[in-house]
Amino acid sequence: MSDEPQPAARPPRRPYFRPASSVPKLSPESAARESQVVRAATERLGLAGAMAFLNADVGLGARPLKLAAASEDGARQVLDLIAVQEPGGDA
Protein backbone atom coordinates (compact mmCIF):
# COMPACT_ATOMS: atom_id res chain seq x y z
CA MET A 1 0.00 0.00 0.00
CA SER A 2 1.33 3.41 -0.91
CA ASP A 3 0.96 6.71 0.92
CA GLU A 4 0.04 8.56 -2.29
CA PRO A 5 -3.51 9.95 -2.39
CA GLN A 6 -5.84 8.05 -4.67
CA PRO A 7 -7.79 10.00 -7.31
CA ALA A 8 -11.42 10.59 -6.44
CA ALA A 9 -13.75 8.01 -7.90
CA ARG A 10 -15.84 9.37 -10.75
CA PRO A 11 -19.54 8.69 -10.82
CA PRO A 12 -20.55 6.17 -13.47
CA ARG A 13 -21.22 7.65 -16.89
CA ARG A 14 -24.82 7.94 -17.90
CA PRO A 15 -25.77 7.07 -21.43
CA TYR A 16 -26.60 10.16 -23.45
CA PHE A 17 -29.90 10.11 -25.28
CA ARG A 18 -30.85 12.89 -27.63
CA PRO A 19 -34.42 14.07 -27.21
CA ALA A 20 -36.68 13.45 -30.15
CA SER A 21 -36.84 16.34 -32.56
CA SER A 22 -39.96 18.43 -32.33
CA VAL A 23 -39.64 19.40 -36.00
CA PRO A 24 -41.68 17.15 -38.29
CA LYS A 25 -39.75 15.43 -41.07
CA LEU A 26 -40.57 16.12 -44.70
CA SER A 27 -42.41 13.47 -46.66
CA PRO A 28 -40.47 12.03 -49.61
CA GLU A 29 -42.75 13.97 -51.99
CA SER A 30 -42.14 17.27 -50.16
CA ALA A 31 -38.39 16.65 -50.10
CA ALA A 32 -38.41 15.91 -53.84
CA ARG A 33 -40.28 19.16 -54.59
CA GLU A 34 -37.89 21.13 -52.38
CA SER A 35 -34.91 19.53 -54.10
CA GLN A 36 -36.31 20.34 -57.55
CA VAL A 37 -36.83 23.99 -56.58
CA VAL A 38 -33.37 24.32 -55.01
CA ARG A 39 -31.74 22.81 -58.10
CA ALA A 40 -33.66 25.11 -60.46
CA ALA A 41 -32.90 28.20 -58.38
CA THR A 42 -29.19 27.36 -58.14
CA GLU A 43 -28.92 26.77 -61.89
CA ARG A 44 -30.74 30.01 -62.71
CA LEU A 45 -29.53 32.36 -59.96
CA GLY A 46 -26.22 30.92 -58.77
CA LEU A 47 -25.64 29.74 -55.22
CA ALA A 48 -25.81 33.08 -53.41
CA GLY A 49 -28.75 34.29 -55.48
CA ALA A 50 -30.65 31.05 -54.91
CA MET A 51 -30.10 31.18 -51.15
CA ALA A 52 -31.33 34.77 -51.01
CA PHE A 53 -34.34 34.06 -53.22
CA LEU A 54 -35.45 30.84 -51.52
CA ASN A 55 -35.33 32.32 -48.03
CA ALA A 56 -36.90 35.71 -48.82
CA ASP A 57 -40.47 36.91 -48.99
CA VAL A 58 -40.91 37.19 -52.76
CA GLY A 59 -44.63 37.95 -52.83
CA LEU A 60 -45.98 34.40 -52.82
CA GLY A 61 -47.43 34.52 -49.32
CA ALA A 62 -44.71 32.30 -47.84
CA ARG A 63 -41.02 31.60 -48.26
CA PRO A 64 -40.47 29.77 -51.55
CA LEU A 65 -38.97 26.68 -49.89
CA LYS A 66 -41.92 26.31 -47.53
CA LEU A 67 -44.39 26.84 -50.35
CA ALA A 68 -42.67 24.28 -52.58
CA ALA A 69 -42.63 21.66 -49.83
CA ALA A 70 -46.30 22.24 -49.02
CA SER A 71 -47.85 21.29 -52.37
CA GLU A 72 -47.33 20.56 -56.04
CA ASP A 73 -49.10 23.85 -56.90
CA GLY A 74 -46.77 25.74 -54.58
CA ALA A 75 -43.73 24.17 -56.19
CA ARG A 76 -45.07 25.09 -59.64
CA GLN A 77 -45.56 28.73 -58.55
CA VAL A 78 -42.00 28.90 -57.24
CA LEU A 79 -40.55 27.27 -60.38
CA ASP A 80 -42.49 29.70 -62.58
CA LEU A 81 -41.14 32.64 -60.58
CA ILE A 82 -37.57 31.31 -60.78
CA ALA A 83 -37.90 31.07 -64.56
CA VAL A 84 -38.56 34.81 -64.90
CA GLN A 85 -35.71 35.91 -62.60
CA GLU A 86 -32.59 37.51 -64.06
CA PRO A 87 -29.88 34.86 -64.32
CA GLY A 88 -27.03 35.07 -61.83
CA GLY A 89 -23.63 33.57 -62.27
CA ASP A 90 -21.83 32.60 -59.10
CA ALA A 91 -22.46 28.85 -59.46
PDB file of N, CA and C in Angstrom:
ATOM      1  N   MET A   1       0.836  -1.174   0.000  1.00  0.00           N
ATOM      2  CA  MET A   1       0.000   0.000   0.000  1.00  0.00           C
ATOM      3  C   MET A   1       0.877   1.232   0.000  1.00  0.00           C
ATOM      4  N   SER A   2       0.519   2.208  -0.776  1.00  0.00           N
ATOM      5  CA  SER A   2       1.326   3.413  -0.907  1.00  0.00           C
ATOM      6  C   SER A   2       0.667   4.552  -0.154  1.00  0.00           C
ATOM      7  N   ASP A   3       1.478   5.544   0.187  1.00  0.00           N
ATOM      8  CA  ASP A   3       0.962   6.707   0.922  1.00  0.00           C
ATOM      9  C   ASP A   3       0.451   7.787  -0.019  1.00  0.00           C
ATOM     10  N   GLU A   4       0.511   7.558  -1.334  1.00  0.00           N
ATOM     11  CA  GLU A   4       0.041   8.564  -2.288  1.00  0.00           C
ATOM     12  C   GLU A   4      -1.481   8.619  -2.271  1.00  0.00           C
ATOM     13  N   PRO A   5      -2.035   9.845  -2.383  1.00  0.00           N
ATOM     14  CA  PRO A   5      -3.506   9.948  -2.394  1.00  0.00           C
ATOM     15  C   PRO A   5      -4.074   9.335  -3.671  1.00  0.00           C
ATOM     16  N   GLN A   6      -5.164   8.667  -3.533  1.00  0.00           N
ATOM     17  CA  GLN A   6      -5.841   8.047  -4.667  1.00  0.00           C
ATOM     18  C   GLN A   6      -6.756   9.081  -5.328  1.00  0.00           C
ATOM     19  N   PRO A   7      -6.868   9.055  -6.661  1.00  0.00           N
ATOM     20  CA  PRO A   7      -7.792   9.996  -7.313  1.00  0.00           C
ATOM     21  C   PRO A   7      -9.226   9.692  -6.881  1.00  0.00           C
ATOM     22  N   ALA A   8     -10.014  10.746  -6.833  1.00  0.00           N
ATOM     23  CA  ALA A   8     -11.421  10.588  -6.436  1.00  0.00           C
ATOM     24  C   ALA A   8     -12.138   9.729  -7.469  1.00  0.00           C
ATOM     25  N   ALA A   9     -12.989   8.876  -6.993  1.00  0.00           N
ATOM     26  CA  ALA A   9     -13.751   8.012  -7.898  1.00  0.00           C
ATOM     27  C   ALA A   9     -14.776   8.853  -8.643  1.00  0.00           C
ATOM     28  N   ARG A  10     -14.857   8.632  -9.946  1.00  0.00           N
ATOM     29  CA  ARG A  10     -15.842   9.367 -10.750  1.00  0.00           C
ATOM     30  C   ARG A  10     -17.161   8.621 -10.716  1.00  0.00           C
ATOM     31  N   PRO A  11     -18.243   9.375 -10.755  1.00  0.00           N
ATOM     32  CA  PRO A  11     -19.539   8.688 -10.819  1.00  0.00           C
ATOM     33  C   PRO A  11     -19.653   7.958 -12.155  1.00  0.00           C
ATOM     34  N   PRO A  12     -20.420   6.896 -12.203  1.00  0.00           N
ATOM     35  CA  PRO A  12     -20.552   6.166 -13.469  1.00  0.00           C
ATOM     36  C   PRO A  12     -21.158   7.060 -14.547  1.00  0.00           C
ATOM     37  N   ARG A  13     -20.711   6.849 -15.779  1.00  0.00           N
ATOM     38  CA  ARG A  13     -21.225   7.652 -16.894  1.00  0.00           C
ATOM     39  C   ARG A  13     -22.641   7.225 -17.222  1.00  0.00           C
ATOM     40  N   ARG A  14     -23.455   8.202 -17.472  1.00  0.00           N
ATOM     41  CA  ARG A  14     -24.825   7.940 -17.900  1.00  0.00           C
ATOM     42  C   ARG A  14     -24.860   7.899 -19.415  1.00  0.00           C
ATOM     43  N   PRO A  15     -25.642   7.038 -19.964  1.00  0.00           N
ATOM     44  CA  PRO A  15     -25.773   7.069 -21.427  1.00  0.00           C
ATOM     45  C   PRO A  15     -26.468   8.362 -21.850  1.00  0.00           C
ATOM     46  N   TYR A  16     -26.028   8.908 -22.951  1.00  0.00           N
ATOM     47  CA  TYR A  16     -26.604  10.156 -23.455  1.00  0.00           C
ATOM     48  C   TYR A  16     -27.640   9.832 -24.515  1.00  0.00           C
ATOM     49  N   PHE A  17     -28.831  10.294 -24.300  1.00  0.00           N
ATOM     50  CA  PHE A  17     -29.898  10.113 -25.278  1.00  0.00           C
ATOM     51  C   PHE A  17     -30.342  11.476 -25.756  1.00  0.00           C
ATOM     52  N   ARG A  18     -30.371  11.639 -27.062  1.00  0.00           N
ATOM     53  CA  ARG A  18     -30.852  12.885 -27.631  1.00  0.00           C
ATOM     54  C   ARG A  18     -32.366  12.899 -27.593  1.00  0.00           C
ATOM     55  N   PRO A  19     -32.957  14.015 -27.176  1.00  0.00           N
ATOM     56  CA  PRO A  19     -34.423  14.066 -27.207  1.00  0.00           C
ATOM     57  C   PRO A  19     -34.926  14.035 -28.646  1.00  0.00           C
ATOM     58  N   ALA A  20     -36.083  13.506 -28.812  1.00  0.00           N
ATOM     59  CA  ALA A  20     -36.680  13.447 -30.150  1.00  0.00           C
ATOM     60  C   ALA A  20     -36.884  14.862 -30.671  1.00  0.00           C
ATOM     61  N   SER A  21     -36.665  15.037 -31.940  1.00  0.00           N
ATOM     62  CA  SER A  21     -36.844  16.342 -32.561  1.00  0.00           C
ATOM     63  C   SER A  21     -38.320  16.711 -32.571  1.00  0.00           C
ATOM     64  N   SER A  22     -38.580  17.966 -32.296  1.00  0.00           N
ATOM     65  CA  SER A  22     -39.964  18.430 -32.331  1.00  0.00           C
ATOM     66  C   SER A  22     -40.348  18.938 -33.720  1.00  0.00           C
ATOM     67  N   VAL A  23     -39.389  18.944 -34.641  1.00  0.00           N
ATOM     68  CA  VAL A  23     -39.641  19.403 -36.003  1.00  0.00           C
ATOM     69  C   VAL A  23     -40.076  18.199 -36.843  1.00  0.00           C
ATOM     70  N   PRO A  24     -41.237  18.284 -37.475  1.00  0.00           N
ATOM     71  CA  PRO A  24     -41.676  17.145 -38.293  1.00  0.00           C
ATOM     72  C   PRO A  24     -40.771  16.965 -39.509  1.00  0.00           C
ATOM     73  N   LYS A  25     -40.572  15.724 -39.900  1.00  0.00           N
ATOM     74  CA  LYS A  25     -39.747  15.431 -41.073  1.00  0.00           C
ATOM     75  C   LYS A  25     -40.579  15.596 -42.336  1.00  0.00           C
ATOM     76  N   LEU A  26     -39.896  15.972 -43.417  1.00  0.00           N
ATOM     77  CA  LEU A  26     -40.573  16.120 -44.704  1.00  0.00           C
ATOM     78  C   LEU A  26     -40.926  14.753 -45.274  1.00  0.00           C
ATOM     79  N   SER A  27     -42.053  14.695 -45.938  1.00  0.00           N
ATOM     80  CA  SER A  27     -42.406  13.472 -46.660  1.00  0.00           C
ATOM     81  C   SER A  27     -41.471  13.357 -47.864  1.00  0.00           C
ATOM     82  N   PRO A  28     -41.321  12.170 -48.419  1.00  0.00           N
ATOM     83  CA  PRO A  28     -40.473  12.034 -49.613  1.00  0.00           C
ATOM     84  C   PRO A  28     -40.930  12.936 -50.762  1.00  0.00           C
ATOM     85  N   GLU A  29     -42.239  13.109 -50.916  1.00  0.00           N
ATOM     86  CA  GLU A  29     -42.753  13.973 -51.991  1.00  0.00           C
ATOM     87  C   GLU A  29     -42.367  15.427 -51.743  1.00  0.00           C
ATOM     88  N   SER A  30     -42.500  15.889 -50.499  1.00  0.00           N
ATOM     89  CA  SER A  30     -42.136  17.267 -50.160  1.00  0.00           C
ATOM     90  C   SER A  30     -40.644  17.491 -50.361  1.00  0.00           C
ATOM     91  N   ALA A  31     -39.844  16.530 -49.938  1.00  0.00           N
ATOM     92  CA  ALA A  31     -38.395  16.646 -50.097  1.00  0.00           C
ATOM     93  C   ALA A  31     -38.011  16.688 -51.577  1.00  0.00           C
ATOM     94  N   ALA A  32     -38.692  15.904 -52.397  1.00  0.00           N
ATOM     95  CA  ALA A  32     -38.405  15.906 -53.840  1.00  0.00           C
ATOM     96  C   ALA A  32     -38.755  17.255 -54.457  1.00  0.00           C
ATOM     97  N   ARG A  33     -39.895  17.836 -54.056  1.00  0.00           N
ATOM     98  CA  ARG A  33     -40.279  19.156 -54.586  1.00  0.00           C
ATOM     99  C   ARG A  33     -39.275  20.214 -54.146  1.00  0.00           C
ATOM    100  N   GLU A  34     -38.865  20.171 -52.877  1.00  0.00           N
ATOM    101  CA  GLU A  34     -37.887  21.125 -52.382  1.00  0.00           C
ATOM    102  C   GLU A  34     -36.577  20.996 -53.153  1.00  0.00           C
ATOM    103  N   SER A  35     -36.150  19.778 -53.370  1.00  0.00           N
ATOM    104  CA  SER A  35     -34.914  19.529 -54.100  1.00  0.00           C
ATOM    105  C   SER A  35     -34.992  20.071 -55.526  1.00  0.00           C
ATOM    106  N   GLN A  36     -36.117  19.859 -56.178  1.00  0.00           N
ATOM    107  CA  GLN A  36     -36.306  20.342 -57.545  1.00  0.00           C
ATOM    108  C   GLN A  36     -36.220  21.869 -57.589  1.00  0.00           C
ATOM    109  N   VAL A  37     -36.831  22.528 -56.624  1.00  0.00           N
ATOM    110  CA  VAL A  37     -36.829  23.987 -56.577  1.00  0.00           C
ATOM    111  C   VAL A  37     -35.426  24.513 -56.278  1.00  0.00           C
ATOM    112  N   VAL A  38     -34.727  23.892 -55.338  1.00  0.00           N
ATOM    113  CA  VAL A  38     -33.368  24.325 -55.009  1.00  0.00           C
ATOM    114  C   VAL A  38     -32.456  24.169 -56.222  1.00  0.00           C
ATOM    115  N   ARG A  39     -32.566  23.049 -56.917  1.00  0.00           N
ATOM    116  CA  ARG A  39     -31.741  22.812 -58.104  1.00  0.00           C
ATOM    117  C   ARG A  39     -32.026  23.864 -59.176  1.00  0.00           C
ATOM    118  N   ALA A  40     -33.300  24.128 -59.435  1.00  0.00           N
ATOM    119  CA  ALA A  40     -33.665  25.113 -60.463  1.00  0.00           C
ATOM    120  C   ALA A  40     -33.172  26.506 -60.086  1.00  0.00           C
ATOM    121  N   ALA A  41     -33.331  26.875 -58.823  1.00  0.00           N
ATOM    122  CA  ALA A  41     -32.896  28.202 -58.378  1.00  0.00           C
ATOM    123  C   ALA A  41     -31.382  28.339 -58.468  1.00  0.00           C
ATOM    124  N   THR A  42     -30.655  27.310 -58.087  1.00  0.00           N
ATOM    125  CA  THR A  42     -29.195  27.365 -58.137  1.00  0.00           C
ATOM    126  C   THR A  42     -28.701  27.461 -59.576  1.00  0.00           C
ATOM    127  N   GLU A  43     -29.318  26.714 -60.477  1.00  0.00           N
ATOM    128  CA  GLU A  43     -28.917  26.773 -61.886  1.00  0.00           C
ATOM    129  C   GLU A  43     -29.209  28.138 -62.486  1.00  0.00           C
ATOM    130  N   ARG A  44     -30.328  28.738 -62.120  1.00  0.00           N
ATOM    131  CA  ARG A  44     -30.744  30.014 -62.715  1.00  0.00           C
ATOM    132  C   ARG A  44     -30.069  31.211 -62.048  1.00  0.00           C
ATOM    133  N   LEU A  45     -29.941  31.174 -60.716  1.00  0.00           N
ATOM    134  CA  LEU A  45     -29.530  32.357 -59.962  1.00  0.00           C
ATOM    135  C   LEU A  45     -28.133  32.265 -59.366  1.00  0.00           C
ATOM    136  N   GLY A  46     -27.492  31.108 -59.457  1.00  0.00           N
ATOM    137  CA  GLY A  46     -26.219  30.916 -58.769  1.00  0.00           C
ATOM    138  C   GLY A  46     -26.487  30.612 -57.297  1.00  0.00           C
ATOM    139  N   LEU A  47     -25.466  30.182 -56.600  1.00  0.00           N
ATOM    140  CA  LEU A  47     -25.642  29.737 -55.219  1.00  0.00           C
ATOM    141  C   LEU A  47     -26.116  30.855 -54.294  1.00  0.00           C
ATOM    142  N   ALA A  48     -25.431  31.984 -54.304  1.00  0.00           N
ATOM    143  CA  ALA A  48     -25.808  33.084 -53.413  1.00  0.00           C
ATOM    144  C   ALA A  48     -27.187  33.633 -53.769  1.00  0.00           C
ATOM    145  N   GLY A  49     -27.450  33.787 -55.052  1.00  0.00           N
ATOM    146  CA  GLY A  49     -28.752  34.287 -55.480  1.00  0.00           C
ATOM    147  C   GLY A  49     -29.879  33.342 -55.115  1.00  0.00           C
ATOM    148  N   ALA A  50     -29.631  32.043 -55.258  1.00  0.00           N
ATOM    149  CA  ALA A  50     -30.647  31.046 -54.911  1.00  0.00           C
ATOM    150  C   ALA A  50     -30.938  31.067 -53.421  1.00  0.00           C
ATOM    151  N   MET A  51     -29.889  31.143 -52.607  1.00  0.00           N
ATOM    152  CA  MET A  51     -30.097  31.180 -51.154  1.00  0.00           C
ATOM    153  C   MET A  51     -30.919  32.400 -50.760  1.00  0.00           C
ATOM    154  N   ALA A  52     -30.589  33.545 -51.331  1.00  0.00           N
ATOM    155  CA  ALA A  52     -31.325  34.767 -51.013  1.00  0.00           C
ATOM    156  C   ALA A  52     -32.780  34.661 -51.469  1.00  0.00           C
ATOM    157  N   PHE A  53     -32.989  34.170 -52.675  1.00  0.00           N
ATOM    158  CA  PHE A  53     -34.340  34.059 -53.224  1.00  0.00           C
ATOM    159  C   PHE A  53     -35.189  33.078 -52.426  1.00  0.00           C
ATOM    160  N   LEU A  54     -34.664  31.902 -52.153  1.00  0.00           N
ATOM    161  CA  LEU A  54     -35.449  30.842 -51.521  1.00  0.00           C
ATOM    162  C   LEU A  54     -35.798  31.127 -50.067  1.00  0.00           C
ATOM    163  N   ASN A  55     -35.064  32.012 -49.429  1.00  0.00           N
ATOM    164  CA  ASN A  55     -35.330  32.321 -48.027  1.00  0.00           C
ATOM    165  C   ASN A  55     -35.968  33.685 -47.826  1.00  0.00           C
ATOM    166  N   ALA A  56     -36.319  34.372 -48.906  1.00  0.00           N
ATOM    167  CA  ALA A  56     -36.897  35.713 -48.822  1.00  0.00           C
ATOM    168  C   ALA A  56     -38.403  35.665 -49.055  1.00  0.00           C
ATOM    169  N   ASP A  57     -39.052  36.741 -48.674  1.00  0.00           N
ATOM    170  CA  ASP A  57     -40.471  36.908 -48.993  1.00  0.00           C
ATOM    171  C   ASP A  57     -40.514  37.520 -50.390  1.00  0.00           C
ATOM    172  N   VAL A  58     -40.926  36.739 -51.366  1.00  0.00           N
ATOM    173  CA  VAL A  58     -40.915  37.194 -52.759  1.00  0.00           C
ATOM    174  C   VAL A  58     -42.323  37.420 -53.295  1.00  0.00           C
ATOM    175  N   GLY A  59     -43.273  37.636 -52.409  1.00  0.00           N
ATOM    176  CA  GLY A  59     -44.628  37.951 -52.831  1.00  0.00           C
ATOM    177  C   GLY A  59     -45.523  36.759 -53.089  1.00  0.00           C
ATOM    178  N   LEU A  60     -45.153  35.590 -52.615  1.00  0.00           N
ATOM    179  CA  LEU A  60     -45.984  34.403 -52.823  1.00  0.00           C
ATOM    180  C   LEU A  60     -46.819  34.047 -51.593  1.00  0.00           C
ATOM    181  N   GLY A  61     -46.668  34.802 -50.538  1.00  0.00           N
ATOM    182  CA  GLY A  61     -47.431  34.521 -49.321  1.00  0.00           C
ATOM    183  C   GLY A  61     -46.689  33.653 -48.329  1.00  0.00           C
ATOM    184  N   ALA A  62     -45.556  33.112 -48.723  1.00  0.00           N
ATOM    185  CA  ALA A  62     -44.709  32.302 -47.844  1.00  0.00           C
ATOM    186  C   ALA A  62     -43.321  32.233 -48.468  1.00  0.00           C
ATOM    187  N   ARG A  63     -42.351  31.790 -47.685  1.00  0.00           N
ATOM    188  CA  ARG A  63     -41.018  31.601 -48.258  1.00  0.00           C
ATOM    189  C   ARG A  63     -41.103  30.540 -49.349  1.00  0.00           C
ATOM    190  N   PRO A  64     -40.389  30.724 -50.447  1.00  0.00           N
ATOM    191  CA  PRO A  64     -40.473  29.771 -51.551  1.00  0.00           C
ATOM    192  C   PRO A  64     -40.209  28.320 -51.153  1.00  0.00           C
ATOM    193  N   LEU A  65     -39.243  28.063 -50.285  1.00  0.00           N
ATOM    194  CA  LEU A  65     -38.974  26.675 -49.887  1.00  0.00           C
ATOM    195  C   LEU A  65     -40.159  26.057 -49.158  1.00  0.00           C
ATOM    196  N   LYS A  66     -40.763  26.824 -48.282  1.00  0.00           N
ATOM    197  CA  LYS A  66     -41.918  26.311 -47.533  1.00  0.00           C
ATOM    198  C   LYS A  66     -43.092  26.064 -48.472  1.00  0.00           C
ATOM    199  N   LEU A  67     -43.302  26.975 -49.385  1.00  0.00           N
ATOM    200  CA  LEU A  67     -44.392  26.845 -50.346  1.00  0.00           C
ATOM    201  C   LEU A  67     -44.187  25.624 -51.252  1.00  0.00           C
ATOM    202  N   ALA A  68     -42.960  25.421 -51.706  1.00  0.00           N
ATOM    203  CA  ALA A  68     -42.669  24.278 -52.576  1.00  0.00           C
ATOM    204  C   ALA A  68     -42.867  22.957 -51.848  1.00  0.00           C
ATOM    205  N   ALA A  69     -42.479  22.900 -50.591  1.00  0.00           N
ATOM    206  CA  ALA A  69     -42.633  21.660 -49.826  1.00  0.00           C
ATOM    207  C   ALA A  69     -44.097  21.371 -49.517  1.00  0.00           C
ATOM    208  N   ALA A  70     -44.909  22.405 -49.440  1.00  0.00           N
ATOM    209  CA  ALA A  70     -46.302  22.235 -49.020  1.00  0.00           C
ATOM    210  C   ALA A  70     -47.174  21.552 -50.065  1.00  0.00           C
ATOM    211  N   SER A  71     -46.961  21.862 -51.350  1.00  0.00           N
ATOM    212  CA  SER A  71     -47.852  21.291 -52.368  1.00  0.00           C
ATOM    213  C   SER A  71     -47.217  21.348 -53.752  1.00  0.00           C
ATOM    214  N   GLU A  72     -47.783  20.558 -54.645  1.00  0.00           N
ATOM    215  CA  GLU A  72     -47.335  20.561 -56.039  1.00  0.00           C
ATOM    216  C   GLU A  72     -47.613  21.925 -56.678  1.00  0.00           C
ATOM    217  N   ASP A  73     -48.770  22.520 -56.368  1.00  0.00           N
ATOM    218  CA  ASP A  73     -49.098  23.850 -56.905  1.00  0.00           C
ATOM    219  C   ASP A  73     -48.108  24.897 -56.406  1.00  0.00           C
ATOM    220  N   GLY A  74     -47.745  24.809 -55.136  1.00  0.00           N
ATOM    221  CA  GLY A  74     -46.773  25.741 -54.575  1.00  0.00           C
ATOM    222  C   GLY A  74     -45.428  25.615 -55.267  1.00  0.00           C
ATOM    223  N   ALA A  75     -45.002  24.386 -55.496  1.00  0.00           N
ATOM    224  CA  ALA A  75     -43.730  24.167 -56.188  1.00  0.00           C
ATOM    225  C   ALA A  75     -43.787  24.744 -57.601  1.00  0.00           C
ATOM    226  N   ARG A  76     -44.905  24.563 -58.289  1.00  0.00           N
ATOM    227  CA  ARG A  76     -45.067  25.088 -59.644  1.00  0.00           C
ATOM    228  C   ARG A  76     -44.985  26.617 -59.631  1.00  0.00           C
ATOM    229  N   GLN A  77     -45.622  27.267 -58.652  1.00  0.00           N
ATOM    230  CA  GLN A  77     -45.560  28.731 -58.548  1.00  0.00           C
ATOM    231  C   GLN A  77     -44.116  29.200 -58.369  1.00  0.00           C
ATOM    232  N   VAL A  78     -43.385  28.519 -57.501  1.00  0.00           N
ATOM    233  CA  VAL A  78     -41.997  28.898 -57.242  1.00  0.00           C
ATOM    234  C   VAL A  78     -41.145  28.676 -58.491  1.00  0.00           C
ATOM    235  N   LEU A  79     -41.317  27.540 -59.158  1.00  0.00           N
ATOM    236  CA  LEU A  79     -40.549  27.269 -60.378  1.00  0.00           C
ATOM    237  C   LEU A  79     -40.854  28.291 -61.468  1.00  0.00           C
ATOM    238  N   ASP A  80     -42.119  28.683 -61.590  1.00  0.00           N
ATOM    239  CA  ASP A  80     -42.489  29.704 -62.578  1.00  0.00           C
ATOM    240  C   ASP A  80     -41.823  31.038 -62.256  1.00  0.00           C
ATOM    241  N   LEU A  81     -41.769  31.386 -60.978  1.00  0.00           N
ATOM    242  CA  LEU A  81     -41.142  32.644 -60.577  1.00  0.00           C
ATOM    243  C   LEU A  81     -39.625  32.595 -60.789  1.00  0.00           C
ATOM    244  N   ILE A  82     -39.013  31.461 -60.530  1.00  0.00           N
ATOM    245  CA  ILE A  82     -37.572  31.312 -60.776  1.00  0.00           C
ATOM    246  C   ILE A  82     -37.271  31.519 -62.259  1.00  0.00           C
ATOM    247  N   ALA A  83     -38.128  30.992 -63.117  1.00  0.00           N
ATOM    248  CA  ALA A  83     -37.903  31.066 -64.564  1.00  0.00           C
ATOM    249  C   ALA A  83     -37.872  32.495 -65.085  1.00  0.00           C
ATOM    250  N   VAL A  84     -38.536  33.428 -64.419  1.00  0.00           N
ATOM    251  CA  VAL A  84     -38.558  34.813 -64.903  1.00  0.00           C
ATOM    252  C   VAL A  84     -37.539  35.703 -64.186  1.00  0.00           C
ATOM    253  N   GLN A  85     -36.737  35.132 -63.296  1.00  0.00           N
ATOM    254  CA  GLN A  85     -35.708  35.906 -62.602  1.00  0.00           C
ATOM    255  C   GLN A  85     -34.520  36.135 -63.526  1.00  0.00           C
ATOM    256  N   GLU A  86     -33.823  37.238 -63.309  1.00  0.00           N
ATOM    257  CA  GLU A  86     -32.595  37.511 -64.058  1.00  0.00           C
ATOM    258  C   GLU A  86     -31.553  36.468 -63.663  1.00  0.00           C
ATOM    259  N   PRO A  87     -30.900  35.865 -64.648  1.00  0.00           N
ATOM    260  CA  PRO A  87     -29.878  34.862 -64.321  1.00  0.00           C
ATOM    261  C   PRO A  87     -28.729  35.470 -63.520  1.00  0.00           C
ATOM    262  N   GLY A  88     -28.207  34.694 -62.604  1.00  0.00           N
ATOM    263  CA  GLY A  88     -27.025  35.075 -61.832  1.00  0.00           C
ATOM    264  C   GLY A  88     -25.913  34.117 -62.181  1.00  0.00           C
ATOM    265  N   GLY A  89     -24.701  34.441 -61.811  1.00  0.00           N
ATOM    266  CA  GLY A  89     -23.632  33.572 -62.270  1.00  0.00           C
ATOM    267  C   GLY A  89     -22.556  33.225 -61.275  1.00  0.00           C
ATOM    268  N   ASP A  90     -22.898  32.969 -60.026  1.00  0.00           N
ATOM    269  CA  ASP A  90     -21.828  32.600 -59.096  1.00  0.00           C
ATOM    270  C   ASP A  90     -21.759  31.104 -58.857  1.00  0.00           C
ATOM    271  N   ALA A  91     -22.428  30.307 -59.682  1.00  0.00           N
ATOM    272  CA  ALA A  91     -22.460  28.851 -59.457  1.00  0.00           C
ATOM    273  C   ALA A  91     -21.181  28.186 -59.776  1.00  0.00           C
TER     274      ALA A  91
END
